[in-house]
Amino acid sequence: MISLQVIFWLLVIIFAIIGAVRGWASEVLVTFSTVLGLFILFILENFAGFAQNGKLFTDPTAHFWLQTVVFVGLVFFGYQAPNLPALSGHVRFINSTVVDHLAGLLLGAINGFFIFGSLWYFMDAAGYPFSIISAPQSGTELGDAAITLLAYLPPHWLVSPAIYFSAALALALVLVVFL
């Protein structure tokens, strides 16, 4: 059996490589979409009083699927945005220097951390609703390391007021990069 922590870091490395290939401008859009996804989920969970008593918020498995669908949907569109006709010819998407690829590598790793860290956090909050994935076992070296890592995943620390500042910073970054 492989530890969730090992899979997590492998996925972060894979997304860093993808980021290096795609370039930094494309990865900025994905970073924005991940922060926007977490922001929308935070707003829904804390300020959507009309929905908080519904099954989507009270049943842990249903809530996991709500979080996953909203988050992955926005991440998907973040990855597809550079293919939109309005953006596809933008000069920022031309990756010609090593610095473009190194910045893409860094942003890709950050995006992998945000994407898979958020999904892992949602799964942990739902009590690991899949039979093929089990919670890290405390008392083991890898289990304790995975449990410690859960405290550093984005949904854990991106709460009020940090989520507001992060959303504003991500929007400002997109505006600065593309205007």
N, C-alpha and C. Protein backbone atom coordinates (compact mmCIF):
# COMPACT_ATOMS: atom_id res chain seq x y z
N MET A 1 0.85 -1.17 0.00
CA MET A 1 0.00 0.00 0.00
C MET A 1 0.90 1.24 0.00
N ILE A 2 0.50 2.25 -0.76
CA ILE A 2 1.29 3.47 -0.87
C ILE A 2 0.63 4.57 -0.04
N SER A 3 1.43 5.38 0.57
CA SER A 3 0.94 6.45 1.43
C SER A 3 0.34 7.59 0.60
N LEU A 4 -0.69 8.22 1.14
CA LEU A 4 -1.28 9.39 0.47
C LEU A 4 -0.26 10.50 0.33
N GLN A 5 0.63 10.62 1.29
CA GLN A 5 1.64 11.66 1.23
C GLN A 5 2.57 11.45 0.04
N VAL A 6 2.95 10.22 -0.24
CA VAL A 6 3.82 9.92 -1.37
C VAL A 6 3.11 10.23 -2.68
N ILE A 7 1.86 9.83 -2.80
CA ILE A 7 1.07 10.13 -4.00
C ILE A 7 0.93 11.64 -4.17
N PHE A 8 0.66 12.32 -3.07
CA PHE A 8 0.51 13.78 -3.10
C PHE A 8 1.76 14.45 -3.67
N TRP A 9 2.93 14.10 -3.14
CA TRP A 9 4.16 14.74 -3.61
C TRP A 9 4.51 14.33 -5.04
N LEU A 10 4.19 13.11 -5.44
CA LEU A 10 4.39 12.71 -6.84
C LEU A 10 3.53 13.55 -7.78
N LEU A 11 2.28 13.79 -7.39
CA LEU A 11 1.39 14.61 -8.21
C LEU A 11 1.87 16.06 -8.26
N VAL A 12 2.40 16.58 -7.17
CA VAL A 12 2.94 17.94 -7.17
C VAL A 12 4.12 18.02 -8.14
N ILE A 13 4.98 17.01 -8.15
CA ILE A 13 6.12 16.99 -9.07
C ILE A 13 5.65 16.89 -10.51
N ILE A 14 4.65 16.05 -10.77
CA ILE A 14 4.12 15.93 -12.13
C ILE A 14 3.53 17.25 -12.60
N PHE A 15 2.80 17.93 -11.73
CA PHE A 15 2.22 19.22 -12.12
C PHE A 15 3.27 20.30 -12.25
N ALA A 16 4.39 20.19 -11.54
CA ALA A 16 5.51 21.12 -11.74
C ALA A 16 6.09 20.95 -13.14
N ILE A 17 6.23 19.71 -13.57
CA ILE A 17 6.74 19.45 -14.92
C ILE A 17 5.76 19.97 -15.97
N ILE A 18 4.48 19.73 -15.76
CA ILE A 18 3.45 20.25 -16.67
C ILE A 18 3.53 21.78 -16.71
N GLY A 19 3.71 22.41 -15.56
CA GLY A 19 3.84 23.86 -15.51
C GLY A 19 5.05 24.37 -16.27
N ALA A 20 6.15 23.63 -16.19
CA ALA A 20 7.35 24.04 -16.93
C ALA A 20 7.11 23.98 -18.44
N VAL A 21 6.34 23.01 -18.88
CA VAL A 21 6.03 22.89 -20.31
C VAL A 21 5.05 23.98 -20.75
N ARG A 22 4.04 24.24 -19.93
CA ARG A 22 3.00 25.21 -20.29
C ARG A 22 3.47 26.65 -20.18
N GLY A 23 4.37 26.94 -19.26
CA GLY A 23 4.83 28.31 -19.08
C GLY A 23 4.09 29.01 -17.96
N TRP A 24 4.68 30.09 -17.52
CA TRP A 24 4.18 30.78 -16.33
C TRP A 24 2.84 31.47 -16.54
N ALA A 25 2.59 32.04 -17.70
CA ALA A 25 1.34 32.77 -17.92
C ALA A 25 0.13 31.84 -17.85
N SER A 26 0.26 30.66 -18.43
CA SER A 26 -0.83 29.69 -18.36
C SER A 26 -1.06 29.24 -16.92
N GLU A 27 0.02 29.09 -16.18
CA GLU A 27 -0.09 28.62 -14.80
C GLU A 27 -0.66 29.69 -13.87
N VAL A 28 -0.48 30.96 -14.20
CA VAL A 28 -1.08 32.03 -13.40
C VAL A 28 -2.59 31.91 -13.44
N LEU A 29 -3.14 31.58 -14.61
CA LEU A 29 -4.60 31.41 -14.72
C LEU A 29 -5.09 30.25 -13.87
N VAL A 30 -4.31 29.19 -13.80
CA VAL A 30 -4.70 28.05 -12.97
C VAL A 30 -4.61 28.41 -11.49
N THR A 31 -3.57 29.14 -11.12
CA THR A 31 -3.45 29.59 -9.73
C THR A 31 -4.66 30.43 -9.34
N PHE A 32 -5.05 31.34 -10.24
CA PHE A 32 -6.24 32.16 -9.98
C PHE A 32 -7.48 31.28 -9.83
N SER A 33 -7.62 30.29 -10.69
CA SER A 33 -8.82 29.44 -10.62
C SER A 33 -8.85 28.61 -9.34
N THR A 34 -7.70 28.16 -8.84
CA THR A 34 -7.70 27.40 -7.59
C THR A 34 -8.07 28.29 -6.41
N VAL A 35 -7.52 29.50 -6.38
CA VAL A 35 -7.86 30.42 -5.29
C VAL A 35 -9.32 30.83 -5.39
N LEU A 36 -9.81 31.06 -6.61
CA LEU A 36 -11.22 31.40 -6.80
C LEU A 36 -12.12 30.25 -6.34
N GLY A 37 -11.74 29.02 -6.65
CA GLY A 37 -12.52 27.86 -6.22
C GLY A 37 -12.61 27.77 -4.70
N LEU A 38 -11.48 27.96 -4.03
CA LEU A 38 -11.48 27.93 -2.56
C LEU A 38 -12.27 29.10 -1.99
N PHE A 39 -12.20 30.25 -2.66
CA PHE A 39 -12.96 31.42 -2.21
C PHE A 39 -14.46 31.18 -2.32
N ILE A 40 -14.90 30.63 -3.45
CA ILE A 40 -16.33 30.35 -3.65
C ILE A 40 -16.82 29.33 -2.62
N LEU A 41 -16.03 28.29 -2.39
CA LEU A 41 -16.43 27.29 -1.39
C LEU A 41 -16.49 27.91 0.01
N PHE A 42 -15.55 28.78 0.33
CA PHE A 42 -15.58 29.45 1.64
C PHE A 42 -16.84 30.29 1.78
N ILE A 43 -17.18 31.03 0.75
CA ILE A 43 -18.38 31.87 0.78
C ILE A 43 -19.63 30.99 0.91
N LEU A 44 -19.70 29.91 0.15
CA LEU A 44 -20.86 29.01 0.23
C LEU A 44 -21.01 28.41 1.63
N GLU A 45 -19.90 27.98 2.21
CA GLU A 45 -19.96 27.29 3.50
C GLU A 45 -20.23 28.24 4.67
N ASN A 46 -19.88 29.51 4.51
CA ASN A 46 -20.00 30.42 5.64
C ASN A 46 -21.11 31.46 5.50
N PHE A 47 -21.55 31.73 4.29
CA PHE A 47 -22.52 32.80 4.11
C PHE A 47 -23.76 32.40 3.33
N ALA A 48 -23.85 31.18 2.88
CA ALA A 48 -25.03 30.72 2.14
C ALA A 48 -25.98 30.03 3.11
N GLY A 49 -26.58 30.81 3.98
CA GLY A 49 -27.46 30.26 5.00
C GLY A 49 -28.63 29.48 4.46
N PHE A 50 -29.10 29.86 3.26
CA PHE A 50 -30.23 29.17 2.66
C PHE A 50 -29.91 27.72 2.31
N ALA A 51 -28.65 27.41 2.13
CA ALA A 51 -28.29 26.06 1.69
C ALA A 51 -27.62 25.23 2.78
N GLN A 52 -27.23 25.84 3.88
CA GLN A 52 -26.44 25.13 4.88
C GLN A 52 -27.19 24.02 5.59
N ASN A 53 -28.50 24.04 5.56
CA ASN A 53 -29.27 22.97 6.19
C ASN A 53 -29.60 21.85 5.23
N GLY A 54 -29.24 22.02 3.97
CA GLY A 54 -29.53 20.99 2.97
C GLY A 54 -28.56 19.84 3.04
N LYS A 55 -28.86 18.78 2.32
CA LYS A 55 -28.05 17.57 2.34
C LYS A 55 -26.63 17.81 1.82
N LEU A 56 -26.49 18.75 0.88
CA LEU A 56 -25.16 19.03 0.34
C LEU A 56 -24.20 19.58 1.39
N PHE A 57 -24.72 20.11 2.47
CA PHE A 57 -23.85 20.66 3.51
C PHE A 57 -23.84 19.82 4.79
N THR A 58 -24.85 19.00 4.99
CA THR A 58 -24.91 18.23 6.24
C THR A 58 -24.37 16.81 6.07
N ASP A 59 -24.50 16.21 4.91
CA ASP A 59 -23.98 14.88 4.66
C ASP A 59 -22.52 15.00 4.21
N PRO A 60 -21.58 14.40 4.94
CA PRO A 60 -20.16 14.58 4.60
C PRO A 60 -19.80 14.12 3.18
N THR A 61 -20.37 13.02 2.73
CA THR A 61 -20.04 12.52 1.39
C THR A 61 -20.61 13.46 0.32
N ALA A 62 -21.84 13.91 0.50
CA ALA A 62 -22.44 14.84 -0.46
C ALA A 62 -21.68 16.17 -0.46
N HIS A 63 -21.24 16.60 0.72
CA HIS A 63 -20.48 17.84 0.81
C HIS A 63 -19.12 17.69 0.11
N PHE A 64 -18.50 16.53 0.28
CA PHE A 64 -17.25 16.26 -0.43
C PHE A 64 -17.44 16.39 -1.94
N TRP A 65 -18.53 15.81 -2.46
CA TRP A 65 -18.77 15.87 -3.90
C TRP A 65 -19.09 17.29 -4.35
N LEU A 66 -19.80 18.06 -3.55
CA LEU A 66 -20.05 19.46 -3.88
C LEU A 66 -18.73 20.22 -3.98
N GLN A 67 -17.90 20.07 -2.96
CA GLN A 67 -16.61 20.75 -2.96
C GLN A 67 -15.76 20.32 -4.15
N THR A 68 -15.73 19.04 -4.42
CA THR A 68 -14.90 18.51 -5.50
C THR A 68 -15.38 19.00 -6.86
N VAL A 69 -16.68 18.97 -7.10
CA VAL A 69 -17.21 19.38 -8.40
C VAL A 69 -16.96 20.87 -8.64
N VAL A 70 -17.24 21.70 -7.64
CA VAL A 70 -17.02 23.14 -7.79
C VAL A 70 -15.54 23.43 -8.01
N PHE A 71 -14.69 22.84 -7.19
CA PHE A 71 -13.25 23.11 -7.26
C PHE A 71 -12.64 22.59 -8.56
N VAL A 72 -12.91 21.33 -8.88
CA VAL A 72 -12.32 20.74 -10.09
C VAL A 72 -12.89 21.42 -11.34
N GLY A 73 -14.15 21.82 -11.31
CA GLY A 73 -14.72 22.54 -12.44
C GLY A 73 -13.98 23.84 -12.71
N LEU A 74 -13.71 24.61 -11.67
CA LEU A 74 -12.98 25.86 -11.87
C LEU A 74 -11.53 25.61 -12.29
N VAL A 75 -10.91 24.59 -11.74
CA VAL A 75 -9.54 24.25 -12.14
C VAL A 75 -9.51 23.83 -13.61
N PHE A 76 -10.49 23.06 -14.03
CA PHE A 76 -10.57 22.64 -15.44
C PHE A 76 -10.62 23.86 -16.36
N PHE A 77 -11.49 24.81 -16.02
CA PHE A 77 -11.59 26.01 -16.85
C PHE A 77 -10.33 26.86 -16.77
N GLY A 78 -9.63 26.82 -15.65
CA GLY A 78 -8.35 27.51 -15.54
C GLY A 78 -7.32 26.92 -16.49
N TYR A 79 -7.33 25.61 -16.63
CA TYR A 79 -6.41 24.97 -17.55
C TYR A 79 -6.82 25.18 -19.01
N GLN A 80 -8.10 25.36 -19.27
CA GLN A 80 -8.58 25.55 -20.63
C GLN A 80 -8.53 27.00 -21.10
N ALA A 81 -8.42 27.96 -20.19
CA ALA A 81 -8.47 29.38 -20.54
C ALA A 81 -7.46 29.80 -21.61
N PRO A 82 -6.21 29.31 -21.59
CA PRO A 82 -5.28 29.73 -22.65
C PRO A 82 -5.71 29.29 -24.05
N ASN A 83 -6.65 28.37 -24.17
CA ASN A 83 -7.12 27.93 -25.47
C ASN A 83 -8.27 28.78 -26.00
N LEU A 84 -8.79 29.69 -25.18
CA LEU A 84 -9.86 30.57 -25.63
C LEU A 84 -9.34 31.49 -26.72
N PRO A 85 -10.13 31.75 -27.75
CA PRO A 85 -9.65 32.59 -28.85
C PRO A 85 -9.17 33.97 -28.39
N ALA A 86 -9.81 34.55 -27.38
CA ALA A 86 -9.41 35.88 -26.92
C ALA A 86 -8.02 35.87 -26.27
N LEU A 87 -7.62 34.75 -25.71
CA LEU A 87 -6.33 34.66 -25.02
C LEU A 87 -5.26 33.90 -25.78
N SER A 88 -5.65 33.08 -26.73
CA SER A 88 -4.68 32.17 -27.36
C SER A 88 -3.56 32.89 -28.09
N GLY A 89 -3.80 34.07 -28.61
CA GLY A 89 -2.76 34.79 -29.32
C GLY A 89 -2.00 35.79 -28.47
N HIS A 90 -2.28 35.81 -27.17
CA HIS A 90 -1.65 36.80 -26.28
C HIS A 90 -0.16 36.55 -26.20
N VAL A 91 0.60 37.64 -26.19
CA VAL A 91 2.06 37.57 -26.18
C VAL A 91 2.60 36.88 -24.93
N ARG A 92 1.87 36.91 -23.83
CA ARG A 92 2.34 36.30 -22.58
C ARG A 92 2.43 34.77 -22.68
N PHE A 93 1.69 34.18 -23.60
CA PHE A 93 1.71 32.72 -23.71
C PHE A 93 2.85 32.19 -24.57
N ILE A 94 3.70 33.08 -25.07
CA ILE A 94 4.87 32.65 -25.83
C ILE A 94 6.00 32.41 -24.84
N ASN A 95 6.41 31.16 -24.71
CA ASN A 95 7.44 30.78 -23.76
C ASN A 95 8.74 30.57 -24.50
N SER A 96 9.60 31.57 -24.46
CA SER A 96 10.82 31.46 -25.25
C SER A 96 12.09 31.41 -24.40
N THR A 97 12.00 31.74 -23.14
CA THR A 97 13.22 31.76 -22.33
C THR A 97 13.16 30.69 -21.24
N VAL A 98 14.31 30.43 -20.70
CA VAL A 98 14.42 29.47 -19.61
C VAL A 98 13.68 29.98 -18.38
N VAL A 99 13.70 31.28 -18.18
CA VAL A 99 13.02 31.87 -17.03
C VAL A 99 11.51 31.62 -17.11
N ASP A 100 10.94 31.69 -18.32
CA ASP A 100 9.51 31.39 -18.50
C ASP A 100 9.19 29.97 -18.03
N HIS A 101 10.06 29.05 -18.39
CA HIS A 101 9.83 27.65 -18.03
C HIS A 101 10.11 27.39 -16.54
N LEU A 102 11.11 28.05 -15.98
CA LEU A 102 11.38 27.88 -14.54
C LEU A 102 10.26 28.47 -13.70
N ALA A 103 9.74 29.63 -14.11
CA ALA A 103 8.60 30.22 -13.40
C ALA A 103 7.38 29.32 -13.55
N GLY A 104 7.20 28.71 -14.73
CA GLY A 104 6.12 27.75 -14.93
C GLY A 104 6.28 26.52 -14.04
N LEU A 105 7.52 26.08 -13.86
CA LEU A 105 7.80 24.94 -12.98
C LEU A 105 7.39 25.27 -11.55
N LEU A 106 7.76 26.45 -11.07
CA LEU A 106 7.41 26.85 -9.71
C LEU A 106 5.88 27.00 -9.55
N LEU A 107 5.25 27.69 -10.49
CA LEU A 107 3.80 27.86 -10.40
C LEU A 107 3.06 26.54 -10.59
N GLY A 108 3.59 25.66 -11.42
CA GLY A 108 2.97 24.34 -11.58
C GLY A 108 3.02 23.54 -10.29
N ALA A 109 4.14 23.63 -9.58
CA ALA A 109 4.25 22.94 -8.28
C ALA A 109 3.27 23.54 -7.27
N ILE A 110 3.15 24.86 -7.27
CA ILE A 110 2.19 25.52 -6.37
C ILE A 110 0.78 25.08 -6.73
N ASN A 111 0.47 25.03 -8.03
CA ASN A 111 -0.86 24.61 -8.45
C ASN A 111 -1.14 23.16 -8.06
N GLY A 112 -0.16 22.29 -8.23
CA GLY A 112 -0.32 20.90 -7.81
C GLY A 112 -0.57 20.80 -6.32
N PHE A 113 0.16 21.61 -5.55
CA PHE A 113 -0.05 21.65 -4.11
C PHE A 113 -1.46 22.11 -3.78
N PHE A 114 -1.92 23.16 -4.44
CA PHE A 114 -3.26 23.67 -4.19
C PHE A 114 -4.33 22.68 -4.62
N ILE A 115 -4.19 22.12 -5.81
CA ILE A 115 -5.23 21.23 -6.34
C ILE A 115 -5.33 19.95 -5.51
N PHE A 116 -4.24 19.23 -5.41
CA PHE A 116 -4.30 17.93 -4.73
C PHE A 116 -4.33 18.09 -3.21
N GLY A 117 -3.77 19.16 -2.70
CA GLY A 117 -3.90 19.43 -1.27
C GLY A 117 -5.34 19.72 -0.89
N SER A 118 -6.03 20.47 -1.73
CA SER A 118 -7.44 20.78 -1.45
C SER A 118 -8.29 19.52 -1.55
N LEU A 119 -8.07 18.73 -2.59
CA LEU A 119 -8.85 17.50 -2.74
C LEU A 119 -8.60 16.54 -1.59
N TRP A 120 -7.36 16.43 -1.14
CA TRP A 120 -7.04 15.58 0.01
C TRP A 120 -7.72 16.12 1.27
N TYR A 121 -7.70 17.44 1.45
CA TYR A 121 -8.35 18.04 2.60
C TYR A 121 -9.85 17.77 2.60
N PHE A 122 -10.49 17.91 1.43
CA PHE A 122 -11.92 17.63 1.32
C PHE A 122 -12.21 16.17 1.66
N MET A 123 -11.35 15.28 1.17
CA MET A 123 -11.53 13.85 1.42
C MET A 123 -11.34 13.54 2.91
N ASP A 124 -10.38 14.18 3.54
CA ASP A 124 -10.16 13.97 4.97
C ASP A 124 -11.36 14.47 5.78
N ALA A 125 -11.89 15.64 5.41
CA ALA A 125 -13.05 16.19 6.12
C ALA A 125 -14.28 15.30 5.97
N ALA A 126 -14.37 14.59 4.85
CA ALA A 126 -15.51 13.69 4.61
C ALA A 126 -15.30 12.31 5.21
N GLY A 127 -14.14 12.08 5.80
CA GLY A 127 -13.87 10.77 6.42
C GLY A 127 -13.45 9.72 5.42
N TYR A 128 -12.79 10.12 4.34
CA TYR A 128 -12.29 9.19 3.31
C TYR A 128 -13.42 8.29 2.81
N PRO A 129 -14.31 8.87 1.98
CA PRO A 129 -15.51 8.14 1.56
C PRO A 129 -15.28 7.01 0.57
N PHE A 130 -14.06 6.77 0.14
CA PHE A 130 -13.78 5.71 -0.82
C PHE A 130 -13.18 4.50 -0.11
N SER A 131 -13.59 3.32 -0.52
CA SER A 131 -13.07 2.12 0.14
C SER A 131 -11.62 1.84 -0.23
N ILE A 132 -11.16 2.35 -1.36
CA ILE A 132 -9.78 2.08 -1.79
C ILE A 132 -8.78 3.06 -1.18
N ILE A 133 -9.27 4.12 -0.54
CA ILE A 133 -8.40 5.11 0.10
C ILE A 133 -8.72 5.14 1.58
N SER A 134 -7.69 4.93 2.38
CA SER A 134 -7.92 4.94 3.83
C SER A 134 -7.16 6.09 4.47
N ALA A 135 -7.63 6.49 5.62
CA ALA A 135 -7.02 7.59 6.36
C ALA A 135 -5.61 7.21 6.81
N PRO A 136 -4.72 8.18 6.90
CA PRO A 136 -3.38 7.89 7.43
C PRO A 136 -3.48 7.37 8.87
N GLN A 137 -2.67 6.37 9.17
CA GLN A 137 -2.71 5.77 10.50
C GLN A 137 -1.69 6.44 11.41
N SER A 138 -2.20 6.98 12.49
CA SER A 138 -1.28 7.59 13.45
C SER A 138 -0.48 6.49 14.14
N GLY A 139 0.71 6.86 14.55
CA GLY A 139 1.58 5.88 15.20
C GLY A 139 2.61 5.30 14.26
N THR A 140 2.43 5.51 12.96
CA THR A 140 3.43 5.08 11.98
C THR A 140 4.15 6.32 11.46
N GLU A 141 5.34 6.13 10.96
CA GLU A 141 6.14 7.27 10.50
C GLU A 141 5.45 7.99 9.34
N LEU A 142 5.03 7.26 8.33
CA LEU A 142 4.36 7.88 7.19
C LEU A 142 3.00 8.43 7.56
N GLY A 143 2.27 7.72 8.41
CA GLY A 143 0.96 8.19 8.83
C GLY A 143 1.03 9.48 9.62
N ASP A 144 1.99 9.56 10.54
CA ASP A 144 2.15 10.79 11.32
C ASP A 144 2.59 11.96 10.44
N ALA A 145 3.45 11.68 9.46
CA ALA A 145 3.88 12.74 8.54
C ALA A 145 2.70 13.23 7.69
N ALA A 146 1.84 12.30 7.25
CA ALA A 146 0.67 12.68 6.46
C ALA A 146 -0.32 13.48 7.30
N ILE A 147 -0.52 13.09 8.53
CA ILE A 147 -1.43 13.81 9.42
C ILE A 147 -0.89 15.22 9.69
N THR A 148 0.42 15.34 9.85
CA THR A 148 1.04 16.65 10.05
C THR A 148 0.87 17.51 8.81
N LEU A 149 1.01 16.91 7.62
CA LEU A 149 0.88 17.65 6.37
C LEU A 149 -0.52 18.19 6.17
N LEU A 150 -1.53 17.51 6.69
CA LEU A 150 -2.92 17.98 6.55
C LEU A 150 -3.11 19.39 7.09
N ALA A 151 -2.36 19.77 8.11
CA ALA A 151 -2.49 21.10 8.69
C ALA A 151 -1.94 22.19 7.77
N TYR A 152 -1.15 21.81 6.77
CA TYR A 152 -0.55 22.79 5.86
C TYR A 152 -1.26 22.86 4.51
N LEU A 153 -2.30 22.09 4.33
CA LEU A 153 -3.01 22.10 3.06
C LEU A 153 -3.85 23.37 2.93
N PRO A 154 -4.02 23.89 1.71
CA PRO A 154 -4.64 25.21 1.52
C PRO A 154 -5.98 25.44 2.20
N PRO A 155 -6.96 24.55 2.13
CA PRO A 155 -8.24 24.88 2.79
C PRO A 155 -8.14 25.04 4.30
N HIS A 156 -7.08 24.49 4.88
CA HIS A 156 -6.91 24.60 6.33
C HIS A 156 -6.51 26.02 6.74
N TRP A 157 -5.61 26.64 5.97
CA TRP A 157 -5.13 27.96 6.34
C TRP A 157 -5.72 29.09 5.50
N LEU A 158 -6.38 28.77 4.39
CA LEU A 158 -7.02 29.81 3.59
C LEU A 158 -8.46 30.03 4.08
N VAL A 159 -8.56 30.60 5.24
CA VAL A 159 -9.85 30.95 5.84
C VAL A 159 -9.82 32.46 6.08
N SER A 160 -10.90 32.98 6.63
CA SER A 160 -10.99 34.42 6.84
C SER A 160 -9.89 34.88 7.79
N PRO A 161 -9.19 35.93 7.52
CA PRO A 161 -9.24 36.85 6.40
C PRO A 161 -8.29 36.49 5.26
N ALA A 162 -7.49 35.44 5.42
CA ALA A 162 -6.48 35.10 4.40
C ALA A 162 -7.10 34.81 3.04
N ILE A 163 -8.29 34.20 2.99
CA ILE A 163 -8.90 33.88 1.72
C ILE A 163 -9.28 35.16 0.96
N TYR A 164 -9.68 36.20 1.68
CA TYR A 164 -10.03 37.46 1.02
C TYR A 164 -8.80 38.10 0.39
N PHE A 165 -7.71 38.13 1.15
CA PHE A 165 -6.47 38.70 0.62
C PHE A 165 -5.93 37.87 -0.54
N SER A 166 -6.03 36.55 -0.42
CA SER A 166 -5.55 35.68 -1.49
C SER A 166 -6.35 35.87 -2.77
N ALA A 167 -7.66 35.97 -2.65
CA ALA A 167 -8.50 36.18 -3.84
C ALA A 167 -8.18 37.53 -4.48
N ALA A 168 -8.02 38.56 -3.67
CA ALA A 168 -7.69 39.88 -4.22
C ALA A 168 -6.31 39.88 -4.87
N LEU A 169 -5.34 39.23 -4.24
CA LEU A 169 -3.99 39.15 -4.80
C LEU A 169 -3.98 38.36 -6.10
N ALA A 170 -4.71 37.25 -6.14
CA ALA A 170 -4.77 36.46 -7.37
C ALA A 170 -5.41 37.24 -8.51
N LEU A 171 -6.48 37.97 -8.22
CA LEU A 171 -7.12 38.79 -9.24
C LEU A 171 -6.18 39.89 -9.71
N ALA A 172 -5.50 40.54 -8.79
CA ALA A 172 -4.55 41.60 -9.15
C ALA A 172 -3.42 41.03 -10.02
N LEU A 173 -2.96 39.83 -9.69
CA LEU A 173 -1.89 39.21 -10.47
C LEU A 173 -2.35 38.93 -11.90
N VAL A 174 -3.56 38.43 -12.05
CA VAL A 174 -4.08 38.17 -13.39
C VAL A 174 -4.23 39.48 -14.16
N LEU A 175 -4.72 40.53 -13.52
CA LEU A 175 -4.87 41.82 -14.19
C LEU A 175 -3.53 42.39 -14.61
N VAL A 176 -2.54 42.32 -13.72
CA VAL A 176 -1.22 42.85 -14.04
C VAL A 176 -0.57 42.06 -15.19
N VAL A 177 -0.72 40.76 -15.16
CA VAL A 177 -0.09 39.92 -16.18
C VAL A 177 -0.72 40.11 -17.56
N PHE A 178 -2.04 40.23 -17.62
CA PHE A 178 -2.71 40.21 -18.91
C PHE A 178 -3.18 41.56 -19.41
N LEU A 179 -2.97 42.62 -18.65
CA LEU A 179 -3.35 43.94 -19.17
C LEU A 179 -2.16 44.78 -19.51
